[in-house]
């Protein structure tokens, strides 16, 4: 039995991670640090941010080179557990 789970992705691959939250307290920097813990080669230039029309919320997209499903799961777990990110895709 293999430790690898079945996935539609072939690793390594480019993968966009989106995080949504309130646009306060340097949201983009917090998301950057959470993802960088799992993707050491991540640069700030790999992130883009859009604000909601009312300016209350922000969406940050990080374009990463994903190495495994376990890595993606760990990133999403940290984003979810952070209390800063309201939703991630």
N, C-alpha and C. Protein backbone atom coordinates (compact mmCIF):
# COMPACT_ATOMS: atom_id res chain seq x y z
N UNK A 1 0.85 -1.19 0.00
CA UNK A 1 0.00 0.00 0.00
C UNK A 1 0.88 1.24 0.00
N UNK A 2 0.57 2.20 -0.83
CA UNK A 2 1.36 3.42 -0.96
C UNK A 2 0.89 4.48 0.02
N UNK A 3 1.84 5.31 0.48
CA UNK A 3 1.49 6.43 1.35
C UNK A 3 0.90 7.60 0.56
N UNK A 4 1.06 7.57 -0.76
CA UNK A 4 0.58 8.66 -1.59
C UNK A 4 -0.93 8.52 -1.82
N UNK A 5 -1.64 9.61 -1.59
CA UNK A 5 -3.08 9.62 -1.83
C UNK A 5 -3.35 9.92 -3.30
N UNK A 6 -4.46 9.45 -3.78
CA UNK A 6 -4.83 9.71 -5.17
C UNK A 6 -5.21 11.17 -5.32
N UNK A 7 -4.69 11.80 -6.36
CA UNK A 7 -5.00 13.20 -6.63
C UNK A 7 -5.00 13.41 -8.13
N UNK A 8 -5.69 14.42 -8.59
CA UNK A 8 -5.72 14.75 -10.01
C UNK A 8 -4.50 15.58 -10.41
N UNK A 9 -3.79 16.09 -9.45
CA UNK A 9 -2.62 16.92 -9.71
C UNK A 9 -1.38 16.06 -9.91
N UNK A 10 -0.49 16.54 -10.74
CA UNK A 10 0.82 15.91 -10.91
C UNK A 10 1.85 16.85 -10.31
N UNK A 11 2.56 16.39 -9.30
CA UNK A 11 3.52 17.23 -8.59
C UNK A 11 4.92 17.00 -9.12
N UNK A 12 5.73 18.05 -9.09
CA UNK A 12 5.43 19.43 -8.71
C UNK A 12 4.61 20.13 -9.80
N UNK A 13 3.84 21.14 -9.38
CA UNK A 13 3.02 21.90 -10.31
C UNK A 13 2.76 23.30 -9.76
N UNK A 14 2.49 24.23 -10.68
CA UNK A 14 2.10 25.59 -10.27
C UNK A 14 0.70 25.48 -9.69
N UNK A 15 0.47 26.19 -8.59
CA UNK A 15 -0.83 26.09 -7.93
C UNK A 15 -1.15 27.43 -7.27
N UNK A 16 -2.32 28.02 -7.58
CA UNK A 16 -2.71 29.27 -6.94
C UNK A 16 -3.47 28.99 -5.63
N UNK A 17 -3.06 29.66 -4.59
CA UNK A 17 -3.77 29.56 -3.31
C UNK A 17 -4.40 30.91 -3.03
N UNK A 18 -5.71 30.91 -2.78
CA UNK A 18 -6.42 32.16 -2.52
C UNK A 18 -6.87 32.18 -1.06
N UNK A 19 -6.67 33.33 -0.43
CA UNK A 19 -7.09 33.52 0.95
C UNK A 19 -7.91 34.80 1.04
N UNK A 20 -9.06 34.72 1.71
CA UNK A 20 -9.95 35.87 1.85
C UNK A 20 -10.06 36.23 3.32
N UNK A 21 -10.07 37.53 3.59
CA UNK A 21 -10.21 37.97 4.98
C UNK A 21 -10.47 39.46 5.03
N UNK A 22 -10.61 39.97 6.25
CA UNK A 22 -10.80 41.41 6.44
C UNK A 22 -9.51 42.12 6.09
N UNK A 23 -9.65 43.23 5.39
CA UNK A 23 -8.48 44.01 4.97
C UNK A 23 -8.04 44.91 6.12
N UNK A 24 -7.36 44.28 7.08
CA UNK A 24 -6.87 45.02 8.24
C UNK A 24 -5.62 44.34 8.78
N UNK A 25 -4.87 45.07 9.56
CA UNK A 25 -3.69 44.52 10.23
C UNK A 25 -2.75 43.79 9.29
N UNK A 26 -2.50 44.38 8.14
CA UNK A 26 -1.54 43.83 7.17
C UNK A 26 -1.89 42.39 6.78
N UNK A 27 -3.09 42.20 6.31
CA UNK A 27 -3.60 40.88 5.92
C UNK A 27 -2.67 40.17 4.94
N UNK A 28 -2.19 40.90 3.92
CA UNK A 28 -1.34 40.27 2.91
C UNK A 28 -0.05 39.73 3.54
N UNK A 29 0.54 40.47 4.44
CA UNK A 29 1.78 40.02 5.08
C UNK A 29 1.54 38.79 5.94
N UNK A 30 0.42 38.72 6.62
CA UNK A 30 0.10 37.54 7.43
C UNK A 30 -0.05 36.30 6.56
N UNK A 31 -0.77 36.45 5.45
CA UNK A 31 -0.95 35.33 4.52
C UNK A 31 0.41 34.90 3.97
N UNK A 32 1.22 35.86 3.61
CA UNK A 32 2.56 35.57 3.09
C UNK A 32 3.35 34.71 4.09
N UNK A 33 3.38 35.11 5.33
CA UNK A 33 4.15 34.38 6.35
C UNK A 33 3.60 32.97 6.58
N UNK A 34 2.27 32.82 6.57
CA UNK A 34 1.67 31.51 6.76
C UNK A 34 2.06 30.55 5.63
N UNK A 35 2.03 31.04 4.40
CA UNK A 35 2.36 30.19 3.27
C UNK A 35 3.87 29.96 3.17
N UNK A 36 4.65 30.98 3.44
CA UNK A 36 6.12 30.88 3.35
C UNK A 36 6.66 29.82 4.30
N UNK A 37 5.98 29.56 5.40
CA UNK A 37 6.41 28.52 6.32
C UNK A 37 6.45 27.15 5.63
N UNK A 38 5.67 26.99 4.57
CA UNK A 38 5.60 25.73 3.84
C UNK A 38 6.25 25.80 2.46
N UNK A 39 6.51 27.02 2.00
CA UNK A 39 7.09 27.24 0.68
C UNK A 39 8.24 28.23 0.85
N UNK A 40 9.41 27.77 1.29
CA UNK A 40 10.52 28.67 1.59
C UNK A 40 10.95 29.57 0.43
N UNK A 41 10.76 29.12 -0.80
CA UNK A 41 11.17 29.92 -1.96
C UNK A 41 10.15 30.99 -2.34
N UNK A 42 9.04 31.09 -1.63
CA UNK A 42 8.00 32.07 -1.93
C UNK A 42 8.54 33.49 -1.78
N UNK A 43 8.28 34.31 -2.78
CA UNK A 43 8.67 35.73 -2.77
C UNK A 43 7.41 36.57 -2.67
N UNK A 44 7.55 37.77 -2.14
CA UNK A 44 6.40 38.67 -2.06
C UNK A 44 5.82 38.96 -3.44
N UNK A 45 6.65 38.93 -4.46
CA UNK A 45 6.18 39.17 -5.83
C UNK A 45 5.30 38.03 -6.35
N UNK A 46 5.27 36.90 -5.64
CA UNK A 46 4.40 35.78 -6.02
C UNK A 46 2.97 35.98 -5.52
N UNK A 47 2.74 37.07 -4.79
CA UNK A 47 1.42 37.36 -4.25
C UNK A 47 0.77 38.53 -4.98
N UNK A 48 -0.53 38.46 -5.09
CA UNK A 48 -1.31 39.59 -5.60
C UNK A 48 -2.50 39.76 -4.67
N UNK A 49 -3.01 40.99 -4.59
CA UNK A 49 -4.12 41.26 -3.68
C UNK A 49 -5.16 42.13 -4.37
N UNK A 50 -6.41 41.79 -4.10
CA UNK A 50 -7.55 42.60 -4.58
C UNK A 50 -8.41 42.93 -3.39
N UNK A 51 -8.89 44.15 -3.36
CA UNK A 51 -9.79 44.58 -2.30
C UNK A 51 -11.23 44.49 -2.79
N UNK A 52 -12.14 44.25 -1.86
CA UNK A 52 -13.56 44.24 -2.20
C UNK A 52 -13.99 45.65 -2.58
N UNK A 53 -15.13 45.75 -3.23
CA UNK A 53 -15.60 47.07 -3.68
C UNK A 53 -15.83 48.02 -2.51
N UNK A 54 -16.20 47.49 -1.35
CA UNK A 54 -16.39 48.33 -0.18
C UNK A 54 -15.13 48.56 0.62
N UNK A 55 -14.06 47.84 0.26
CA UNK A 55 -12.79 48.01 0.93
C UNK A 55 -12.66 47.31 2.27
N UNK A 56 -13.68 46.55 2.66
CA UNK A 56 -13.65 45.88 3.96
C UNK A 56 -12.89 44.55 3.92
N UNK A 57 -12.90 43.90 2.77
CA UNK A 57 -12.29 42.59 2.63
C UNK A 57 -11.21 42.60 1.55
N UNK A 58 -10.34 41.61 1.63
CA UNK A 58 -9.27 41.48 0.64
C UNK A 58 -9.12 40.02 0.26
N UNK A 59 -8.66 39.80 -0.96
CA UNK A 59 -8.35 38.46 -1.44
C UNK A 59 -6.88 38.46 -1.86
N UNK A 60 -6.12 37.55 -1.29
CA UNK A 60 -4.71 37.41 -1.62
C UNK A 60 -4.54 36.10 -2.37
N UNK A 61 -3.85 36.15 -3.49
CA UNK A 61 -3.53 34.96 -4.26
C UNK A 61 -2.02 34.76 -4.26
N UNK A 62 -1.61 33.56 -3.87
CA UNK A 62 -0.19 33.20 -3.89
C UNK A 62 -0.01 32.13 -4.96
N UNK A 63 0.85 32.39 -5.91
CA UNK A 63 1.14 31.43 -6.97
C UNK A 63 2.39 30.66 -6.55
N UNK A 64 2.20 29.39 -6.18
CA UNK A 64 3.32 28.59 -5.65
C UNK A 64 3.64 27.42 -6.57
N UNK A 65 4.80 26.84 -6.35
CA UNK A 65 5.17 25.58 -6.98
C UNK A 65 4.90 24.51 -5.91
N UNK A 66 3.76 23.84 -6.04
CA UNK A 66 3.37 22.83 -5.05
C UNK A 66 4.17 21.56 -5.26
N UNK A 67 4.65 20.99 -4.16
CA UNK A 67 5.48 19.78 -4.21
C UNK A 67 4.70 18.50 -3.92
N UNK A 68 3.60 18.63 -3.15
CA UNK A 68 2.84 17.44 -2.78
C UNK A 68 1.46 17.83 -2.26
N UNK A 69 0.57 16.85 -2.21
CA UNK A 69 -0.74 17.08 -1.63
C UNK A 69 -0.62 17.37 -0.14
N UNK A 70 0.32 16.70 0.52
CA UNK A 70 0.53 16.95 1.96
C UNK A 70 0.92 18.40 2.21
N UNK A 71 1.76 18.96 1.34
CA UNK A 71 2.15 20.36 1.48
C UNK A 71 0.94 21.28 1.34
N UNK A 72 0.11 21.04 0.33
CA UNK A 72 -1.10 21.85 0.13
C UNK A 72 -2.03 21.73 1.33
N UNK A 73 -2.22 20.50 1.83
CA UNK A 73 -3.08 20.31 3.00
C UNK A 73 -2.57 21.09 4.20
N UNK A 74 -1.26 21.08 4.42
CA UNK A 74 -0.67 21.80 5.55
C UNK A 74 -0.87 23.30 5.41
N UNK A 75 -0.72 23.82 4.19
CA UNK A 75 -0.93 25.25 3.96
C UNK A 75 -2.38 25.62 4.26
N UNK A 76 -3.32 24.85 3.72
CA UNK A 76 -4.73 25.15 3.95
C UNK A 76 -5.11 25.02 5.43
N UNK A 77 -4.54 24.06 6.12
CA UNK A 77 -4.81 23.91 7.56
C UNK A 77 -4.32 25.14 8.32
N UNK A 78 -3.11 25.61 8.02
CA UNK A 78 -2.59 26.80 8.71
C UNK A 78 -3.40 28.04 8.39
N UNK A 79 -3.81 28.20 7.13
CA UNK A 79 -4.63 29.35 6.77
C UNK A 79 -5.96 29.32 7.52
N UNK A 80 -6.58 28.15 7.56
CA UNK A 80 -7.87 27.99 8.23
C UNK A 80 -7.76 28.23 9.73
N UNK A 81 -6.69 27.72 10.33
CA UNK A 81 -6.51 27.83 11.78
C UNK A 81 -6.01 29.19 12.24
N UNK A 82 -5.62 30.05 11.32
CA UNK A 82 -4.98 31.32 11.66
C UNK A 82 -5.89 32.32 12.38
N UNK A 83 -7.18 32.24 12.11
CA UNK A 83 -8.08 33.25 12.67
C UNK A 83 -8.09 34.52 11.85
N UNK A 84 -7.15 34.67 10.94
CA UNK A 84 -7.05 35.84 10.06
C UNK A 84 -7.79 35.59 8.77
N UNK A 85 -7.69 34.38 8.26
CA UNK A 85 -8.28 34.02 6.97
C UNK A 85 -9.70 33.51 7.20
N UNK A 86 -10.65 34.11 6.51
CA UNK A 86 -12.05 33.70 6.64
C UNK A 86 -12.37 32.52 5.74
N UNK A 87 -11.69 32.46 4.58
CA UNK A 87 -11.94 31.38 3.63
C UNK A 87 -10.71 31.25 2.73
N UNK A 88 -10.41 30.02 2.34
CA UNK A 88 -9.30 29.82 1.41
C UNK A 88 -9.71 28.80 0.35
N UNK A 89 -9.16 29.00 -0.83
CA UNK A 89 -9.45 28.12 -1.97
C UNK A 89 -8.15 27.68 -2.60
